[in-house]
Amino acid sequence: MVFAWTSALVLLAVFTANGNSSKASSTAKSGPTMTATTDIHMAGTCRRQTALAGDDNTATCSLIVDEFSAAKTNQWAPWTHKPVCTDAYRAGAGGKKVRLQQFCVFTDATFRGGRGISVIAAPHAAAAMAHALDDSGIPARLRDHVSTPLAGDPAFEHGPIREDGTGNAFAVQDIPGQGKGVVAARKIKKGEVVFVDYVTVLSQNTFSAHDDMSTLGIEDTGKADEGQIMQLLQVAVAQLPATQQTKVHALAHSLGGERIRDILRTNVFGGITIADASYIGLFPLGSRVNHNCQPNTYWRYTPGYLSQEVIAMRDIEPGEEVTHSYIPLGIVHDERQQKMRSWGFNCTCSLCAAPENKRLLADQRRRRLLAIHTELVAFGNEDPDTATTEVDRGAKRLGEMTDEMLFLIEKEETWPLLCDYYPAVTRAYLAIDDVVRARQHWQNADEAWATYGGEQHEFADELKELNLEIAAQEKLMAGSGSSSR
């Protein structure tokens, strides 16, 4: 499925040739100038400012490596294969062709213990993420996990299975009516990392079950030729090591069209952000996890390591299928079914197939959760000049809503929603000058994001800003001798 990969929203899903045998020994010289974005920093690579033909306002930057510089220097480090790139143009003034942003396939066959990675991106974007290719910088929790090829014994695809809890926790096997799936090989405890996977194909394209065309990131200014798009996809997979190619070709392809493109569109994870640009990623093992509207795992993606961790939200018993929600958590039955139908199937998970009274109770809880969030946001956004003067009553109401929110999230087993609810609670308490409880719930928010979003989560800046607001209020109250209300 095409997954949404967002660590937390109100309704949230905690979301696809031959080359050198070794890496080139040095960085290639600068090639032709291409459009560069201002938010990507590439130390030492920007030599001069010029302009693309027909657009004097377009700032450009000489890039580390692309198809032309590779051909000129015969070097394309840190990649193991010479880049293969598009040629995209649009009509300019007087019918003159104006070159658009170039996109290339960049492959590193040595990535993560020889698993390999192919990146489809603009050359400047590939340069910005090149540091993530280095296996030596991977932290122990990812490097040493038994499910990864970096852990040691290459004879085991995902590590040995041991009952003492030190070995692999899962097996990939046939699931009736659902193709392949992931099943617990032993008891998996809440909070345990079930497995670690690394991206195999990372692309700035938008492959969606709902889109007929991919524009390679080129918007209204033009599109790459469809044949070029297919060439990039095919090259991206063909340049991977043989074992990874086999894994990619074994994945489901259910949406129709050319096989490689169909495999990617069926299995990619979306919503991956690198240097403020959106990407999709194919994780061969992660793609084996089937959907459930009340899942027992959540994903945690770390962009700096191009890694995916699948983590148990509750205890998982031996033989139980490991599941994830393909759609946002916390939405009601009819909305879930509508979303799943748009991807070509009706959901028959335990929650959707439950007796009507159980489904209705779940829907009631989920609607109430949304109503609580709406009220919390209203508290936080209230104009101080018009805020209630009955502060005790306001604090009491916030306490009641917070307790009810925690009760409902526990009942619905949608714990990643805390990433969005705790900041809303924090802002609400800050709005009524209760900095003690604001601080307490900021700490809860920080912990929730660390748990469900990981060390490089997307909400870090917002949490820092909220922390500064609380600190300023604490300082103000300390200076005035006032106690928090």
Foldseek 3Di string as FASTA:
>chain_A
DAFECACADLQAAVWADDFAPAAFDDWFDFDDKAADDPLFDQPPFFDDFADWPQDRPGTTGTFRAAQGSCVVPVHHPPAGGRKDKFWWWFQHPPRDTTTHFMWIWGKHCPAQNRQIAIETAGRSLCSRLNLLRDPVPDDCVQQCQQQGPSNDDVVDNGWDDDQVPNTQQWDWDQDVPPGIFIFGQAKAAAFDFNGKWFFHYKALWDQELPDPDTASPDPPRGGTDPVRVVVRLVVRLVHHPPVNNVLLQPADFDSDDDRSSSSGNLQWYWDDADSNGTMITHTSRVSRAAADLLFQWHWAADSSNNMITTGGNHIHHGGHTHHGHSTGHLAAQVVSQVVVVSNPDGDCHCQNVDPPVSSVVSNVLSVVLSVLLVVLQCLLPDDLVPDDPPLVVQVVVLVVSVVSNVVSCVVSSVLSNLLVRLQSSLSNLVSSQQLVVSVVSLVVNVVSCCSSHNDRRPCVVVSVVSVVSSVVSVVVCVVVVHHGD
